[in-house]
Amino acid sequence: MAVESAALLQQLQTDSVYRRACLDDPRLLHRRLYAPFAPPTHPEYAGAYRGAPGTSLALRIMGGPSVMFEGQTFNFMEPETVRPAMEGLIETVRERIDTLRQPWDQLVTLSHLFSQFGFIHPFLDGNGHVQRSLFAAAALEMNLPLSNRFAIHPRSYDFLLAHALENYSRRPDRRPQWLSAVAEYIVQWLDGPFDAPGMGMAPLSSTRSGVTFDLPRPSPPLRRAPSTASVRHGPRPRGRDPSRPEALP
């Protein structure tokens, strides 16, 4: 996956047509990375959203272990809400990419993309790789260069970002604060205007950035993780679902 991810990042950096296509339809990214792992009996495991009618993903619920509350789990979006949520996210981010020019506003947009995609968790597996690929594509579209610290693979973060992302998913009333927390983390993946003294902090007040987002409320938390649980920003749950082949990496 390291070789494939490096090749993908190279194309995102050099091919603007492909980059825009991936932002318009993130399923292209997922299919490219995970088609080799999808079993012949379930091609939808690569490049199809959860909730896709007529597939094994139509009713697929996804959850993961909490990093906030030991022994608890929480759900990502319900399968029937995944496609409209992704369409709304894509529309919002593309509009922001085309209209925003201030670095802080662009950083908030990247934080929204990263956080909301994680909350939706649209794919059966491999969401983290697509999440980071979309971050790269959107940053490059806004002429924000990526730092050498950034990589699609391997994942370069764990508890701190996972904590902020889970709070974002669970607490819609505090989303501006948690968007700032995510932004404080992901800013390390950017160079350009952010690679200067005093530029490493995200906007912490509403006066710093006027960008706002209308976001859906989260699903209620679960007490027990579903057998198909997969979370790419936290510990991977043990065991496998006997009803399907091993989850994609």
C-alpha atoms as a PDB file:
ATOM      1  CA  MET A   1       0.000   0.000   0.000  1.00  0.00           C
ATOM      2  CA  ALA A   2       2.944   2.357   0.551  1.00  0.00           C
ATOM      3  CA  VAL A   3       3.935   2.173  -3.129  1.00  0.00           C
ATOM      4  CA  GLU A   4       0.373   2.621  -4.385  1.00  0.00           C
ATOM      5  CA  SER A   5      -0.243   5.526  -2.011  1.00  0.00           C
ATOM      6  CA  ALA A   6       2.960   7.279  -3.046  1.00  0.00           C
ATOM      7  CA  ALA A   7       2.002   6.927  -6.715  1.00  0.00           C
ATOM      8  CA  LEU A   8      -1.455   8.305  -5.969  1.00  0.00           C
ATOM      9  CA  LEU A   9      -0.028  11.307  -4.136  1.00  0.00           C
ATOM     10  CA  GLN A  10       2.329  11.994  -7.029  1.00  0.00           C
ATOM     11  CA  GLN A  11      -0.584  12.025  -9.474  1.00  0.00           C
ATOM     12  CA  LEU A  12      -2.646  14.273  -7.219  1.00  0.00           C
ATOM     13  CA  GLN A  13       0.270  16.708  -7.156  1.00  0.00           C
ATOM     14  CA  THR A  14       0.823  16.750 -10.916  1.00  0.00           C
ATOM     15  CA  ASP A  15      -2.527  16.012 -12.594  1.00  0.00           C
ATOM     16  CA  SER A  16      -5.084  18.737 -11.898  1.00  0.00           C
ATOM     17  CA  VAL A  17      -7.802  17.054 -13.980  1.00  0.00           C
ATOM     18  CA  TYR A  18      -7.519  13.832 -12.005  1.00  0.00           C
ATOM     19  CA  ARG A  19      -7.343  15.767  -8.745  1.00  0.00           C
ATOM     20  CA  ARG A  20     -10.605  17.587  -9.469  1.00  0.00           C
ATOM     21  CA  ALA A  21     -12.273  14.345 -10.550  1.00  0.00           C
ATOM     22  CA  CYS A  22     -11.361  12.739  -7.217  1.00  0.00           C
ATOM     23  CA  LEU A  23     -12.771  15.690  -5.301  1.00  0.00           C
ATOM     24  CA  ASP A  24     -15.981  15.399  -7.316  1.00  0.00           C
ATOM     25  CA  ASP A  25     -16.255  11.654  -6.646  1.00  0.00           C
ATOM     26  CA  PRO A  26     -14.101  10.171  -3.846  1.00  0.00           C
ATOM     27  CA  ARG A  27     -15.182   6.693  -4.925  1.00  0.00           C
ATOM     28  CA  LEU A  28     -12.518   6.940  -7.635  1.00  0.00           C
ATOM     29  CA  LEU A  29      -9.840   7.087  -4.954  1.00  0.00           C
ATOM     30  CA  HIS A  30     -11.249   4.167  -3.008  1.00  0.00           C
ATOM     31  CA  ARG A  31     -11.617   1.994  -6.098  1.00  0.00           C
ATOM     32  CA  ARG A  32      -8.066   2.738  -7.196  1.00  0.00           C
ATOM     33  CA  LEU A  33      -6.561   1.769  -3.842  1.00  0.00           C
ATOM     34  CA  TYR A  34      -8.791  -1.136  -2.863  1.00  0.00           C
ATOM     35  CA  ALA A  35     -10.015  -2.876  -6.018  1.00  0.00           C
ATOM     36  CA  PRO A  36      -7.107  -5.378  -5.772  1.00  0.00           C
ATOM     37  CA  PHE A  37      -8.377  -6.448  -2.339  1.00  0.00           C
ATOM     38  CA  ALA A  38     -12.081  -6.776  -3.137  1.00  0.00           C
ATOM     39  CA  PRO A  39     -13.255 -10.387  -3.519  1.00  0.00           C
ATOM     40  CA  PRO A  40     -14.839 -11.258  -6.894  1.00  0.00           C
ATOM     41  CA  THR A  41     -18.144 -11.953  -5.155  1.00  0.00           C
ATOM     42  CA  HIS A  42     -18.225  -8.469  -3.629  1.00  0.00           C
ATOM     43  CA  PRO A  43     -16.817  -5.887  -6.054  1.00  0.00           C
ATOM     44  CA  GLU A  44     -18.753  -3.205  -4.149  1.00  0.00           C
ATOM     45  CA  TYR A  45     -16.184  -3.447  -1.355  1.00  0.00           C
ATOM     46  CA  ALA A  46     -14.048  -1.131  -3.493  1.00  0.00           C
ATOM     47  CA  GLY A  47     -15.538   2.127  -4.706  1.00  0.00           C
ATOM     48  CA  ALA A  48     -19.095   1.931  -3.349  1.00  0.00           C
ATOM     49  CA  TYR A  49     -20.585   3.848  -0.453  1.00  0.00           C
ATOM     50  CA  ARG A  50     -22.283   2.198   2.465  1.00  0.00           C
ATOM     51  CA  GLY A  51     -25.994   2.243   1.780  1.00  0.00           C
ATOM     52  CA  ALA A  52     -25.574   1.480  -1.935  1.00  0.00           C
ATOM     53  CA  PRO A  53     -28.905  -0.137  -2.960  1.00  0.00           C
ATOM     54  CA  GLY A  54     -28.843  -3.732  -4.094  1.00  0.00           C
ATOM     55  CA  THR A  55     -25.437  -4.483  -2.577  1.00  0.00           C
ATOM     56  CA  SER A  56     -24.154  -6.039   0.625  1.00  0.00           C
ATOM     57  CA  LEU A  57     -23.447  -2.481   1.808  1.00  0.00           C
ATOM     58  CA  ALA A  58     -27.089  -1.383   1.666  1.00  0.00           C
ATOM     59  CA  LEU A  59     -27.630  -1.789   5.410  1.00  0.00           C
ATOM     60  CA  ARG A  60     -24.006  -1.764   6.547  1.00  0.00           C
ATOM     61  CA  ILE A  61     -23.632  -0.036   9.912  1.00  0.00           C
ATOM     62  CA  MET A  62     -20.166   1.122  10.920  1.00  0.00           C
ATOM     63  CA  GLY A  63     -18.880   1.882  14.378  1.00  0.00           C
ATOM     64  CA  GLY A  64     -15.653   1.935  16.280  1.00  0.00           C
ATOM     65  CA  PRO A  65     -14.189   1.809  19.777  1.00  0.00           C
ATOM     66  CA  SER A  66     -14.276   5.068  21.688  1.00  0.00           C
ATOM     67  CA  VAL A  67     -11.013   6.766  22.637  1.00  0.00           C
ATOM     68  CA  MET A  68     -12.950   8.954  25.082  1.00  0.00           C
ATOM     69  CA  PHE A  69     -14.853   6.348  27.090  1.00  0.00           C
ATOM     70  CA  GLU A  70     -13.158   3.032  27.727  1.00  0.00           C
ATOM     71  CA  GLY A  71     -15.289   0.049  26.779  1.00  0.00           C
ATOM     72  CA  GLN A  72     -17.800   2.098  24.797  1.00  0.00           C
ATOM     73  CA  THR A  73     -18.297   2.425  21.058  1.00  0.00           C
ATOM     74  CA  PHE A  74     -19.952   4.941  18.788  1.00  0.00           C
ATOM     75  CA  ASN A  75     -21.582   4.836  15.382  1.00  0.00           C
ATOM     76  CA  PHE A  76     -20.683   6.696  12.255  1.00  0.00           C
ATOM     77  CA  MET A  77     -23.516   7.887  10.020  1.00  0.00           C
ATOM     78  CA  GLU A  78     -26.373   5.552   9.210  1.00  0.00           C
ATOM     79  CA  PRO A  79     -26.018   3.864   5.798  1.00  0.00           C
ATOM     80  CA  GLU A  80     -29.062   5.561   4.272  1.00  0.00           C
ATOM     81  CA  THR A  81     -27.575   8.982   5.057  1.00  0.00           C
ATOM     82  CA  VAL A  82     -24.110   8.340   3.620  1.00  0.00           C
ATOM     83  CA  ARG A  83     -24.681   9.268  -0.014  1.00  0.00           C
ATOM     84  CA  PRO A  84     -26.577  12.538   0.605  1.00  0.00           C
ATOM     85  CA  ALA A  85     -24.063  13.476   3.291  1.00  0.00           C
ATOM     86  CA  MET A  86     -21.181  12.886   0.894  1.00  0.00           C
ATOM     87  CA  GLU A  87     -22.894  14.867  -1.851  1.00  0.00           C
ATOM     88  CA  GLY A  88     -23.393  17.762   0.549  1.00  0.00           C
ATOM     89  CA  LEU A  89     -19.792  17.603   1.731  1.00  0.00           C
ATOM     90  CA  ILE A  90     -18.446  17.556  -1.821  1.00  0.00           C
ATOM     91  CA  GLU A  91     -20.616  20.511  -2.837  1.00  0.00           C
ATOM     92  CA  THR A  92     -19.607  22.582   0.186  1.00  0.00           C
ATOM     93  CA  VAL A  93     -15.901  21.889  -0.130  1.00  0.00           C
ATOM     94  CA  ARG A  94     -15.822  22.570  -3.860  1.00  0.00           C
ATOM     95  CA  GLU A  95     -17.606  25.886  -3.326  1.00  0.00           C
ATOM     96  CA  ARG A  96     -15.111  26.852  -0.625  1.00  0.00           C
ATOM     97  CA  ILE A  97     -12.151  25.818  -2.753  1.00  0.00           C
ATOM     98  CA  ASP A  98     -13.358  28.012  -5.605  1.00  0.00           C
ATOM     99  CA  THR A  99     -14.129  31.099  -3.496  1.00  0.00           C
ATOM    100  CA  LEU A 100     -11.846  31.268  -0.440  1.00  0.00           C
ATOM    101  CA  ARG A 101      -8.415  32.858  -0.690  1.00  0.00           C
ATOM    102  CA  GLN A 102      -7.333  33.514   2.909  1.00  0.00           C
ATOM    103  CA  PRO A 103      -5.126  30.759   4.360  1.00  0.00           C
ATOM    104  CA  TRP A 104      -7.072  30.541   7.633  1.00  0.00           C
ATOM    105  CA  ASP A 105     -10.363  30.072   5.795  1.00  0.00           C
ATOM    106  CA  GLN A 106      -8.739  27.433   3.614  1.00  0.00           C
ATOM    107  CA  LEU A 107      -7.447  25.617   6.705  1.00  0.00           C
ATOM    108  CA  VAL A 108     -10.940  25.585   8.245  1.00  0.00           C
ATOM    109  CA  THR A 109     -12.251  24.111   4.990  1.00  0.00           C
ATOM    110  CA  LEU A 110      -9.643  21.344   5.136  1.00  0.00           C
ATOM    111  CA  SER A 111     -10.546  20.676   8.764  1.00  0.00           C
ATOM    112  CA  HIS A 112     -14.237  20.441   7.851  1.00  0.00           C
ATOM    113  CA  LEU A 113     -13.483  18.053   4.994  1.00  0.00           C
ATOM    114  CA  PHE A 114     -11.296  15.846   7.177  1.00  0.00           C
ATOM    115  CA  SER A 115     -13.647  15.812  10.174  1.00  0.00           C
ATOM    116  CA  GLN A 116     -16.922  15.396   8.322  1.00  0.00           C
ATOM    117  CA  PHE A 117     -15.567  12.637   6.089  1.00  0.00           C
ATOM    118  CA  GLY A 118     -14.423  10.796   9.206  1.00  0.00           C
ATOM    119  CA  PHE A 119     -17.872  11.152  10.759  1.00  0.00           C
ATOM    120  CA  ILE A 120     -19.609   9.901   7.602  1.00  0.00           C
ATOM    121  CA  HIS A 121     -17.181   6.980   7.177  1.00  0.00           C
ATOM    122  CA  PRO A 122     -18.651   6.206   3.750  1.00  0.00           C
ATOM    123  CA  PHE A 123     -16.691   3.064   2.857  1.00  0.00           C
ATOM    124  CA  LEU A 124     -16.542  -0.435   4.266  1.00  0.00           C
ATOM    125  CA  ASP A 125     -12.850   0.011   5.014  1.00  0.00           C
ATOM    126  CA  GLY A 126      -9.927   2.140   3.915  1.00  0.00           C
ATOM    127  CA  ASN A 127     -11.611   5.383   4.953  1.00  0.00           C
ATOM    128  CA  GLY A 128      -8.414   6.808   6.423  1.00  0.00           C
ATOM    129  CA  HIS A 129      -6.492   6.504   3.165  1.00  0.00           C
ATOM    130  CA  VAL A 130      -9.264   8.222   1.210  1.00  0.00           C
ATOM    131  CA  GLN A 131      -9.598  10.856   3.946  1.00  0.00           C
ATOM    132  CA  ARG A 132      -5.921  11.773   3.657  1.00  0.00           C
ATOM    133  CA  SER A 133      -6.050  11.642  -0.149  1.00  0.00           C
ATOM    134  CA  LEU A 134      -8.945  14.110  -0.185  1.00  0.00           C
ATOM    135  CA  PHE A 135      -7.072  16.373   2.213  1.00  0.00           C
ATOM    136  CA  ALA A 136      -4.121  16.398  -0.183  1.00  0.00           C
ATOM    137  CA  ALA A 137      -6.300  17.018  -3.234  1.00  0.00           C
ATOM    138  CA  ALA A 138      -8.198  19.882  -1.608  1.00  0.00           C
ATOM    139  CA  ALA A 139      -5.050  21.526  -0.235  1.00  0.00           C
ATOM    140  CA  LEU A 140      -3.365  21.395  -3.625  1.00  0.00           C
ATOM    141  CA  GLU A 141      -6.467  22.812  -5.318  1.00  0.00           C
ATOM    142  CA  MET A 142      -6.175  25.800  -2.962  1.00  0.00           C
ATOM    143  CA  ASN A 143      -2.471  26.173  -3.811  1.00  0.00           C
ATOM    144  CA  LEU A 144      -1.420  25.090  -0.332  1.00  0.00           C
ATOM    145  CA  PRO A 145       1.746  22.981  -0.644  1.00  0.00           C
ATOM    146  CA  LEU A 146       1.997  19.801   1.393  1.00  0.00           C
ATOM    147  CA  SER A 147       4.792  19.428   3.916  1.00  0.00           C
ATOM    148  CA  ASN A 148       7.244  16.550   3.863  1.00  0.00           C
ATOM    149  CA  ARG A 149       5.550  15.287   7.034  1.00  0.00           C
ATOM    150  CA  PHE A 150       2.399  14.364   5.108  1.00  0.00           C
ATOM    151  CA  ALA A 151       1.771  10.886   3.724  1.00  0.00           C
ATOM    152  CA  ILE A 152      -1.282   8.967   2.595  1.00  0.00           C
ATOM    153  CA  HIS A 153       0.325   5.789   3.920  1.00  0.00           C
ATOM    154  CA  PRO A 154       1.236   4.985   6.607  1.00  0.00           C
ATOM    155  CA  ARG A 155      -1.103   6.795   8.950  1.00  0.00           C
ATOM    156  CA  SER A 156       0.927   9.371  10.865  1.00  0.00           C
ATOM    157  CA  TYR A 157      -1.371  10.082  13.795  1.00  0.00           C
ATOM    158  CA  ASP A 158      -3.262   8.369  16.577  1.00  0.00           C
ATOM    159  CA  PHE A 159      -4.753   9.425  19.920  1.00  0.00           C
ATOM    160  CA  LEU A 160      -4.677  13.239  19.793  1.00  0.00           C
ATOM    161  CA  LEU A 161      -6.388  13.528  16.435  1.00  0.00           C
ATOM    162  CA  ALA A 162      -8.675  10.582  17.176  1.00  0.00           C
ATOM    163  CA  HIS A 163      -9.868  12.352  20.327  1.00  0.00           C
ATOM    164  CA  ALA A 164     -10.703  15.533  18.419  1.00  0.00           C
ATOM    165  CA  LEU A 165     -12.457  13.617  15.637  1.00  0.00           C
ATOM    166  CA  GLU A 166     -14.597  11.640  18.068  1.00  0.00           C
ATOM    167  CA  ASN A 167     -15.598  14.812  19.906  1.00  0.00           C
ATOM    168  CA  TYR A 168     -16.514  16.371  16.565  1.00  0.00           C
ATOM    169  CA  SER A 169     -18.752  13.391  15.781  1.00  0.00           C
ATOM    170  CA  ARG A 170     -20.399  13.218  19.206  1.00  0.00           C
ATOM    171  CA  ARG A 171     -20.875  16.906  20.045  1.00  0.00           C
ATOM    172  CA  PRO A 172     -22.592  18.937  17.323  1.00  0.00           C
ATOM    173  CA  ASP A 173     -23.008  21.850  19.745  1.00  0.00           C
ATOM    174  CA  ARG A 174     -19.211  22.172  20.047  1.00  0.00           C
ATOM    175  CA  ARG A 175     -18.190  21.522  16.461  1.00  0.00           C
ATOM    176  CA  PRO A 176     -16.510  24.907  15.877  1.00  0.00           C
ATOM    177  CA  GLN A 177     -14.149  24.221  18.780  1.00  0.00           C
ATOM    178  CA  TRP A 178     -13.344  20.712  17.600  1.00  0.00           C
ATOM    179  CA  LEU A 179     -12.861  21.875  14.021  1.00  0.00           C
ATOM    180  CA  SER A 180     -10.206  24.187  15.452  1.00  0.00           C
ATOM    181  CA  ALA A 181      -8.624  21.297  17.338  1.00  0.00           C
ATOM    182  CA  VAL A 182      -8.457  19.208  14.164  1.00  0.00           C
ATOM    183  CA  ALA A 183      -7.064  22.195  12.268  1.00  0.00           C
ATOM    184  CA  GLU A 184      -4.315  22.640  14.868  1.00  0.00           C
ATOM    185  CA  TYR A 185      -3.227  19.075  14.121  1.00  0.00           C
ATOM    186  CA  ILE A 186      -3.510  18.918  10.339  1.00  0.00           C
ATOM    187  CA  VAL A 187      -1.776  22.263   9.835  1.00  0.00           C
ATOM    188  CA  GLN A 188       1.509  20.388  10.354  1.00  0.00           C
ATOM    189  CA  TRP A 189       0.882  18.719   6.990  1.00  0.00           C
ATOM    190  CA  LEU A 190       0.990  22.074   5.170  1.00  0.00           C
ATOM    191  CA  ASP A 191       3.829  24.314   4.068  1.00  0.00           C
ATOM    192  CA  GLY A 192       3.531  27.608   2.243  1.00  0.00           C
ATOM    193  CA  PRO A 193       1.802  30.298   4.330  1.00  0.00           C
ATOM    194  CA  PHE A 194       1.733  28.050   7.403  1.00  0.00           C
ATOM    195  CA  ASP A 195       5.479  27.386   7.413  1.00  0.00           C
ATOM    196  CA  ALA A 196       6.367  30.539   9.321  1.00  0.00           C
ATOM    197  CA  PRO A 197       6.696  31.606  12.977  1.00  0.00           C
ATOM    198  CA  GLY A 198       3.318  32.082  14.614  1.00  0.00           C
ATOM    199  CA  MET A 199       1.379  30.400  11.807  1.00  0.00           C
ATOM    200  CA  GLY A 200       1.007  26.953  13.361  1.00  0.00           C
ATOM    201  CA  MET A 201      -2.206  27.637  15.281  1.00  0.00           C
ATOM    202  CA  ALA A 202      -5.733  27.222  13.991  1.00  0.00           C
ATOM    203  CA  PRO A 203      -8.286  30.050  14.331  1.00  0.00           C
ATOM    204  CA  LEU A 204      -9.634  29.716  17.869  1.00  0.00           C
ATOM    205  CA  SER A 205     -12.356  32.374  17.769  1.00  0.00           C
ATOM    206  CA  SER A 206     -15.200  33.213  15.425  1.00  0.00           C
ATOM    207  CA  THR A 207     -13.543  36.545  14.659  1.00  0.00           C
ATOM    208  CA  ARG A 208     -10.481  34.863  13.165  1.00  0.00           C
ATOM    209  CA  SER A 209     -12.417  33.108  10.432  1.00  0.00           C
ATOM    210  CA  GLY A 210     -15.919  33.726   9.159  1.00  0.00           C
ATOM    211  CA  VAL A 211     -16.332  30.286   7.593  1.00  0.00           C
ATOM    212  CA  THR A 212     -19.262  28.325   9.019  1.00  0.00           C
ATOM    213  CA  PHE A 213     -20.843  25.013   8.131  1.00  0.00           C
ATOM    214  CA  ASP A 214     -24.298  23.536   8.683  1.00  0.00           C
ATOM    215  CA  LEU A 215     -23.708  19.952   9.776  1.00  0.00           C
ATOM    216  CA  PRO A 216     -26.008  16.996  10.510  1.00  0.00           C
ATOM    217  CA  ARG A 217     -26.330  15.586  14.004  1.00  0.00           C
ATOM    218  CA  PRO A 218     -24.496  12.365  14.874  1.00  0.00           C
ATOM    219  CA  SER A 219     -26.037   8.954  15.307  1.00  0.00           C
ATOM    220  CA  PRO A 220     -26.611   7.921  18.944  1.00  0.00           C
ATOM    221  CA  PRO A 221     -23.691   6.108  20.610  1.00  0.00           C
ATOM    222  CA  LEU A 222     -23.667   2.347  20.837  1.00  0.00           C
ATOM    223  CA  ARG A 223     -22.778   0.253  23.849  1.00  0.00           C
ATOM    224  CA  ARG A 224     -21.548  -2.646  21.791  1.00  0.00           C
ATOM    225  CA  ALA A 225     -19.584  -2.421  18.567  1.00  0.00           C
ATOM    226  CA  PRO A 226     -21.055  -4.122  15.485  1.00  0.00           C
ATOM    227  CA  SER A 227     -19.016  -7.011  14.169  1.00  0.00           C
ATOM    228  CA  THR A 228     -18.072  -4.976  11.102  1.00  0.00           C
ATOM    229  CA  ALA A 229     -16.588  -2.155  13.167  1.00  0.00           C
ATOM    230  CA  SER A 230     -13.707  -0.379  11.536  1.00  0.00           C
ATOM    231  CA  VAL A 231     -12.117   2.837  12.679  1.00  0.00           C
ATOM    232  CA  ARG A 232      -9.051   4.192  10.944  1.00  0.00           C
ATOM    233  CA  HIS A 233      -8.214   6.896  13.493  1.00  0.00           C
ATOM    234  CA  GLY A 234      -8.227   4.607  16.543  1.00  0.00           C
ATOM    235  CA  PRO A 235      -7.410   1.066  17.649  1.00  0.00           C
ATOM    236  CA  ARG A 236      -8.592  -1.582  15.227  1.00  0.00           C
ATOM    237  CA  PRO A 237     -11.194  -3.907  16.811  1.00  0.00           C
ATOM    238  CA  ARG A 238     -10.309  -7.571  17.152  1.00  0.00           C
ATOM    239  CA  GLY A 239     -12.034 -10.420  15.372  1.00  0.00           C
ATOM    240  CA  ARG A 240     -13.696 -10.703  12.001  1.00  0.00           C
ATOM    241  CA  ASP A 241     -17.203 -10.916  10.655  1.00  0.00           C
ATOM    242  CA  PRO A 242     -17.870 -14.531   9.599  1.00  0.00           C
ATOM    243  CA  SER A 243     -20.520 -13.341   7.142  1.00  0.00           C
ATOM    244  CA  ARG A 244     -17.981 -11.721   4.815  1.00  0.00           C
ATOM    245  CA  PRO A 245     -14.318 -12.049   3.821  1.00  0.00           C
ATOM    246  CA  GLU A 246     -11.695 -10.314   5.912  1.00  0.00           C
ATOM    247  CA  ALA A 247     -12.063  -6.527   5.916  1.00  0.00           C
ATOM    248  CA  LEU A 248      -9.950  -4.617   3.479  1.00  0.00           C
ATOM    249  CA  PRO A 249      -6.707  -3.163   4.880  1.00  0.00           C
END
